[in-house]
Protein backbone atom coordinates (compact mmCIF):
# COMPACT_ATOMS: atom_id res chain seq x y z
CA MET A 1 118.91 61.83 102.51
CA ALA A 2 116.26 62.01 104.43
CA ASN A 3 114.98 65.19 103.52
CA ALA A 4 115.00 63.61 99.56
CA LEU A 5 113.03 61.06 100.88
CA SER A 6 110.23 63.36 102.64
CA GLN A 7 110.14 65.54 99.47
CA GLN A 8 108.47 63.57 98.07
CA GLN A 9 104.73 64.09 97.09
CA LYS A 10 102.15 61.36 96.73
CA GLY A 11 99.82 60.79 93.66
CA GLN A 12 100.81 64.14 91.50
CA LYS A 13 100.63 63.26 87.33
CA SER A 14 103.86 62.73 86.48
CA ASN A 15 107.03 60.32 85.39
CA MET A 16 108.60 60.02 89.08
CA LYS A 17 108.73 56.75 89.44
CA THR A 18 110.26 55.90 86.11
CA VAL A 19 113.00 58.70 86.48
CA ILE A 20 113.97 56.59 90.67
CA PHE A 21 113.71 53.32 88.80
CA LEU A 22 116.65 55.43 86.36
CA TYR A 23 118.59 56.97 89.32
CA LEU A 24 118.26 54.04 91.05
CA LEU A 25 119.90 51.81 88.28
CA GLY A 26 122.32 54.26 87.14
CA THR A 27 124.10 54.60 90.44
CA PHE A 28 124.23 51.19 90.77
CA ALA A 29 125.47 50.57 87.03
CA ALA A 30 128.28 52.94 87.80
CA ALA A 31 129.13 51.53 90.72
CA LEU A 32 129.60 48.62 88.94
CA VAL A 33 131.60 50.09 86.79
CA ALA A 34 134.18 50.77 89.27
CA VAL A 35 134.39 47.89 90.59
CA LEU A 36 135.10 46.40 87.24
CA VAL A 37 137.63 48.75 86.17
CA ASN A 38 138.92 47.47 89.74
CA PHE A 39 139.35 43.65 88.56
CA PHE A 40 140.98 44.53 85.63
CA PHE A 41 143.60 47.22 86.72
CA PRO A 42 144.08 46.54 90.74
CA ILE A 43 144.94 49.77 91.96
CA SER A 44 147.03 50.71 95.57
CA ILE A 45 147.59 53.96 96.86
CA GLU A 46 150.10 55.65 99.74
CA LEU A 47 148.79 55.75 103.19
CA ALA A 48 150.67 57.54 105.60
CA SER A 49 150.09 54.09 107.91
CA SER A 50 148.96 51.62 106.48
CA SER A 51 150.63 49.18 108.61
CA GLN A 52 148.02 49.41 111.61
CA LYS A 53 146.36 46.24 112.91
CA VAL A 54 143.04 45.33 110.10
CA SER A 55 140.15 42.94 110.88
CA PRO A 56 139.17 42.16 107.89
CA PRO A 57 135.65 40.07 106.83
CA ASP A 58 136.60 35.95 106.12
CA GLY A 59 133.79 36.22 103.23
CA ILE A 60 130.97 37.31 101.90
CA GLY A 61 128.66 35.39 104.58
CA GLN A 62 130.76 37.61 107.52
CA VAL A 63 130.04 40.34 105.38
CA LEU A 64 126.55 40.21 104.76
CA SER A 65 126.46 39.85 108.81
CA ASN A 66 128.16 41.80 109.97
CA LEU A 67 125.92 44.56 107.41
CA LEU A 68 122.62 42.87 109.12
CA LEU A 69 124.13 44.02 112.47
CA GLN A 70 124.54 47.50 111.50
CA LEU A 71 121.57 47.54 109.09
CA VAL A 72 119.18 47.95 113.16
CA ASP A 73 122.02 48.75 115.16
CA ASN A 74 120.08 51.18 118.27
CA PRO A 75 120.32 54.86 116.06
CA VAL A 76 121.95 56.43 119.68
CA ASN A 77 124.70 53.80 119.65
CA ALA A 78 124.61 55.06 115.18
CA LEU A 79 125.88 58.32 116.26
CA ILE A 80 128.05 57.17 119.83
CA THR A 81 130.10 54.13 117.99
CA ALA A 82 129.61 55.88 113.59
CA ASN A 83 128.48 53.57 112.46
CA TYR A 84 127.95 55.07 108.89
CA ILE A 85 125.08 52.38 107.97
CA GLY A 86 123.18 52.49 110.35
CA ILE A 87 122.79 55.83 110.41
CA LEU A 88 122.36 56.02 106.60
CA SER A 89 119.49 52.93 107.76
CA TRP A 90 117.62 55.38 110.21
CA ALA A 91 118.24 58.25 107.86
CA VAL A 92 116.41 55.97 104.85
CA ILE A 93 113.76 54.99 107.20
CA PHE A 94 112.83 58.87 108.71
CA GLY A 95 112.91 60.37 105.82
CA ILE A 96 110.18 57.71 103.98
CA ALA A 97 108.08 58.23 107.60
CA MET A 98 108.06 61.94 106.87
CA ARG A 99 106.45 61.81 103.68
CA GLU A 100 103.53 61.31 105.82
CA ALA A 101 104.36 64.95 108.09
CA SER A 102 102.81 68.28 107.80
CA HIS A 103 104.04 70.48 105.43
CA HIS A 104 105.83 73.08 107.87
CA SER A 105 107.08 69.61 109.54
CA LYS A 106 108.72 68.62 105.56
CA GLU A 107 110.10 72.83 105.86
CA LEU A 108 111.84 72.14 109.00
CA LEU A 109 113.55 69.18 107.23
CA GLN A 110 114.45 71.24 104.69
CA THR A 111 116.13 74.03 106.30
CA LEU A 112 117.93 71.23 108.91
CA ALA A 113 119.72 69.76 105.35
CA ASP A 114 120.20 72.85 104.46
CA ILE A 115 122.61 73.35 107.78
CA THR A 116 124.13 70.26 107.54
CA SER A 117 125.27 71.26 104.20
CA LYS A 118 126.99 74.44 105.20
CA ILE A 119 128.66 72.60 108.40
CA VAL A 120 129.85 70.03 105.79
CA GLU A 121 131.08 72.66 103.63
CA TRP A 122 132.77 74.60 106.26
CA ILE A 123 135.21 71.61 106.80
CA ILE A 124 135.35 70.38 103.52
CA ASN A 125 136.76 74.60 103.47
CA LEU A 126 139.36 73.57 106.43
CA ALA A 127 140.16 70.47 104.75
CA PRO A 128 143.30 71.59 102.96
CA LEU A 129 144.85 72.41 106.49
CA GLY A 130 144.80 68.58 107.35
CA ILE A 131 145.73 67.39 103.58
CA LEU A 132 149.25 69.74 103.92
CA GLY A 133 149.94 67.89 106.80
CA LEU A 134 149.55 64.31 105.90
CA VAL A 135 150.97 64.37 102.46
CA TYR A 136 153.94 66.11 103.55
CA THR A 137 154.54 62.78 106.12
CA THR A 138 153.42 60.79 103.18
CA ILE A 139 156.04 62.53 100.98
CA SER A 140 158.07 62.98 103.57
CA GLY A 141 158.76 58.72 104.29
CA LYS A 142 157.84 57.78 101.47
CA GLY A 143 159.61 60.40 98.55
CA PHE A 144 157.37 62.47 95.16
CA GLN A 145 157.00 57.61 94.49
CA ALA A 146 153.87 57.99 96.56
CA LEU A 147 152.22 60.80 94.26
CA LYS A 148 152.48 58.54 91.51
CA SER A 149 149.77 56.25 92.92
CA TYR A 150 147.82 59.43 93.33
CA GLY A 151 148.21 59.82 89.32
CA ILE A 152 147.01 56.45 88.90
CA LEU A 153 143.84 56.44 91.30
CA LEU A 154 142.97 59.43 89.34
CA LEU A 155 142.52 58.53 85.79
CA ALA A 156 141.08 55.47 86.96
CA LEU A 157 138.80 57.19 88.51
CA ILE A 158 137.91 59.02 85.41
CA ALA A 159 138.22 56.41 82.82
CA SER A 160 134.87 55.12 85.13
CA MET A 161 133.20 57.96 84.90
CA LEU A 162 133.90 58.55 81.08
CA ILE A 163 132.92 55.14 80.32
CA VAL A 164 129.17 55.58 82.52
CA ALA A 165 128.46 58.92 80.88
CA LEU A 166 129.54 56.93 77.26
CA VAL A 167 128.47 53.58 77.54
CA ILE A 168 125.90 52.40 80.48
CA ASN A 169 123.81 55.14 80.13
CA PRO A 170 123.27 55.31 76.12
CA LEU A 171 122.83 52.06 76.63
CA ILE A 172 120.21 52.48 79.18
CA SER A 173 118.64 55.24 76.93
CA PHE A 174 118.67 53.03 73.71
CA ILE A 175 116.85 50.40 75.88
CA MET A 176 114.29 52.61 77.10
CA LEU A 177 114.06 54.71 73.90
CA ARG A 178 114.99 52.32 70.68
CA LYS A 179 115.91 55.25 69.74
CA ASN A 180 119.80 56.49 68.36
CA PRO A 181 120.72 57.99 72.60
CA TYR A 182 124.08 60.35 71.80
CA PRO A 183 122.58 63.24 70.62
CA LEU A 184 120.07 63.39 74.07
CA VAL A 185 123.14 62.41 75.63
CA ARG A 186 125.93 64.89 74.10
CA ARG A 187 123.28 67.82 74.20
CA CYS A 188 123.11 67.18 78.51
CA LEU A 189 127.24 66.61 78.53
CA ARG A 190 128.14 70.06 76.26
CA VAL A 191 124.99 72.02 78.65
CA SER A 192 124.46 70.64 81.86
CA GLY A 193 128.05 68.76 81.96
CA VAL A 194 130.67 71.52 81.21
CA THR A 195 128.93 73.74 83.59
CA ALA A 196 128.59 71.52 86.55
CA PHE A 197 132.50 70.84 85.50
CA PHE A 198 133.03 74.80 86.96
CA THR A 199 130.65 74.83 89.63
CA ARG A 200 131.59 71.52 90.86
CA SER A 201 128.18 71.40 92.80
CA SER A 202 125.06 69.65 91.78
CA ALA A 203 122.52 71.78 93.95
CA ALA A 204 124.58 75.05 92.54
CA ASN A 205 123.39 74.22 88.66
CA ILE A 206 120.06 72.76 89.05
CA PRO A 207 118.73 76.18 87.81
CA VAL A 208 120.62 75.02 84.58
CA ASN A 209 119.44 71.83 84.07
CA MET A 210 115.71 73.37 84.80
CA LYS A 211 116.05 75.14 81.81
CA LEU A 212 117.55 72.17 79.53
CA CYS A 213 114.20 70.27 80.28
CA ARG A 214 111.97 73.78 79.35
CA ASP A 215 114.06 74.01 76.03
CA LEU A 216 113.82 70.04 75.79
CA GLY A 217 109.85 70.23 75.65
CA LEU A 218 109.48 68.42 79.41
CA ASN A 219 106.21 68.68 81.82
CA PRO A 220 107.23 71.11 84.22
CA GLU A 221 105.70 68.95 86.88
CA THR A 222 107.99 65.98 86.43
CA TYR A 223 111.82 68.07 85.97
CA SER A 224 110.30 70.63 88.58
CA VAL A 225 110.55 67.79 91.24
CA SER A 226 113.63 65.59 89.73
CA ILE A 227 116.08 67.88 89.26
CA PRO A 228 116.23 69.08 92.61
CA LEU A 229 115.99 65.59 93.49
CA GLY A 230 118.25 64.35 91.13
CA ALA A 231 120.83 66.64 92.41
CA THR A 232 120.20 64.80 96.03
CA ILE A 233 119.83 60.97 94.68
CA ASN A 234 121.18 60.69 91.93
CA MET A 235 124.63 60.46 92.41
CA ALA A 236 126.48 58.39 90.09
CA GLY A 237 130.07 59.93 90.26
CA ALA A 238 129.32 59.59 94.27
CA ALA A 239 129.03 55.83 93.36
CA ILE A 240 132.35 55.12 91.21
CA THR A 241 134.45 57.56 93.64
CA ILE A 242 134.02 55.48 96.90
CA ASN A 243 134.30 52.12 95.38
CA THR A 244 136.98 53.11 94.03
CA LEU A 245 138.72 54.63 96.57
CA THR A 246 137.47 51.84 98.74
CA LEU A 247 139.12 48.63 96.72
CA ALA A 248 141.78 51.29 96.28
CA ALA A 249 142.86 51.25 100.46
CA VAL A 250 141.95 47.50 99.97
CA ASN A 251 144.29 46.14 97.91
CA THR A 252 146.84 48.92 100.05
CA LEU A 253 145.58 46.77 103.01
CA ASP A 254 146.09 43.25 100.77
CA ILE A 255 142.32 42.70 102.59
CA ARG A 256 140.60 39.24 100.17
CA GLY A 257 137.63 40.51 98.19
CA ASP A 258 135.34 38.33 95.98
CA PHE A 259 133.15 40.05 93.71
CA GLY A 260 129.82 38.90 95.83
CA THR A 261 132.00 41.25 98.79
CA ALA A 262 132.07 44.33 95.84
CA LEU A 263 128.69 43.22 95.18
CA VAL A 264 127.60 44.58 98.58
CA LEU A 265 129.51 47.25 98.64
CA SER A 266 128.65 48.14 95.34
CA ILE A 267 124.46 48.04 97.10
CA VAL A 268 126.48 50.24 99.88
CA ALA A 269 128.04 52.41 97.80
CA ALA A 270 124.74 53.55 95.49
CA ILE A 271 122.73 53.72 98.66
CA SER A 272 124.90 56.11 100.40
CA ALA A 273 125.72 57.86 97.41
CA CYS A 274 122.04 58.64 96.98
CA GLY A 275 123.23 60.56 100.56
CA ALA A 276 126.08 62.48 99.33
CA SER A 277 126.07 66.44 99.82
CA GLY A 278 125.07 68.76 96.85
CA VAL A 279 128.56 70.81 98.27
CA ALA A 280 131.83 69.88 96.47
CA GLY A 281 133.85 66.88 97.91
CA GLY A 282 130.83 65.73 99.71
CA SER A 283 130.87 62.07 98.75
CA LEU A 284 134.31 61.72 99.73
CA LEU A 285 133.16 61.67 103.64
CA LEU A 286 131.14 58.91 102.83
CA ILE A 287 134.10 56.67 102.07
CA PRO A 288 134.23 55.45 105.87
CA VAL A 289 130.98 53.51 105.21
CA ALA A 290 131.40 51.37 102.17
CA CYS A 291 135.40 50.73 104.45
CA SER A 292 133.88 49.89 107.11
CA LEU A 293 132.26 46.47 105.53
CA PHE A 294 136.12 45.67 105.26
CA GLY A 295 137.21 46.20 108.59
CA ILE A 296 138.93 48.88 107.95
CA SER A 297 139.23 51.87 110.49
CA ASN A 298 137.95 54.77 110.47
CA ASP A 299 141.64 56.57 110.65
CA LEU A 300 142.98 54.36 108.13
CA ALA A 301 139.28 55.48 106.20
CA MET A 302 139.67 58.99 106.82
CA GLN A 303 143.67 58.44 105.66
CA VAL A 304 141.65 57.74 101.91
CA VAL A 305 139.91 60.16 102.51
CA SER A 306 142.78 63.11 102.52
CA VAL A 307 143.91 60.55 98.95
CA GLY A 308 140.32 62.16 97.34
CA PHE A 309 140.62 65.43 98.59
CA VAL A 310 144.23 65.58 96.95
CA ILE A 311 142.84 64.85 94.32
CA GLY A 312 139.45 66.61 94.42
CA VAL A 313 139.70 68.88 92.16
CA ILE A 314 139.72 67.38 88.91
CA GLN A 315 137.92 64.36 90.53
CA ASP A 316 134.97 66.92 91.31
CA SER A 317 134.43 68.45 88.90
CA CYS A 318 134.26 65.17 86.76
CA GLU A 319 132.09 63.71 89.48
CA THR A 320 129.85 66.95 88.90
CA ALA A 321 129.33 66.86 84.96
CA LEU A 322 128.71 63.25 85.72
CA ASN A 323 125.60 63.71 87.94
CA SER A 324 124.42 66.46 87.03
CA SER A 325 124.02 66.06 82.86
CA THR A 326 122.45 62.44 83.63
CA ASP A 327 119.77 64.11 85.99
CA VAL A 328 118.75 66.01 83.09
CA LEU A 329 119.30 62.38 80.49
CA PHE A 330 117.45 60.52 82.43
CA THR A 331 114.17 63.17 83.23
CA ALA A 332 113.82 63.53 79.69
CA VAL A 333 114.32 60.00 79.33
CA ALA A 334 111.32 59.07 81.68
CA GLU A 335 109.53 60.61 79.53
CA MET A 336 110.49 60.75 76.15
CA SER A 337 109.58 57.15 76.45
CA SER A 338 105.46 57.36 76.62
CA TRP A 339 106.29 60.00 73.50
CA PRO A 340 105.81 58.64 69.74
CA LYS A 341 109.23 57.59 68.56
CA GLU A 342 109.71 60.99 65.95
CA LYS A 343 108.40 63.72 68.60
CA ARG A 344 111.71 62.18 70.63
CA TYR A 345 114.56 65.29 70.35
């Protein structure tokens, strides 16, 4: 996240302000969709040891108080105590401050971001070994019936992503363009979404999105920045994954949560999603950030992450397809909104 924020250029002629606004709006809207789906169809999952003692917050007031204390935590202490929200807040501050840095300093930050992504990729590649042990423990203790909840969870994730892709994103596009958005939405899903579904990496799909923007006749000064930036900060699918899995854990542990708490969760999920790595499965590693709002320990949160890895092949493919296709859609909408109506696609 720090690297993505630092790479923004000042004074460049483009529609970047509108693009970033749409990125953030779309990500937050996706997080809210996941919350609403959970309220109408609450889902529980089988965890290997869900009986651990949890200290949930008493209400929205305590959630906000804990969130504020975590945000202003000492950065060194945040790293030592695994205060993910504190780490995230310092990453945002550091990234904004680095906008004033020299070009060479930004190149160094880019290199560090690439190294971090590679380390995350190695960790994710080792995940199947840990998942095998957790799945064995769950099935041996609770039988194959436990896998049913994983299937229901996957259906909820896919349904939420379809709602965003086919309802929320077109609605935002229509408000901006005042024209039927579905031809543009279909083209973005067909060209960008299908490719991203199989690559499972927003970063790997950047060349495809660049070509689609060029074919749409968009301004290179905009999409040359917005597409790489979108691969990092425009993560509607990641926000859905974070919220859905976190709320499934909340339901499993019988933690009471009102809509105000869920709204705070949506804000945290949207911000966290902006820091998700562009590699396959990167969003799952941010679930402990959201779980910490409800007093869920890291041990239990990582069990929830393991559940995400179990369904990860389909979940991550759909998530990446939504993320990547939305990068092009919102880049196009931001620019086309200033075109004459008859020239818009």
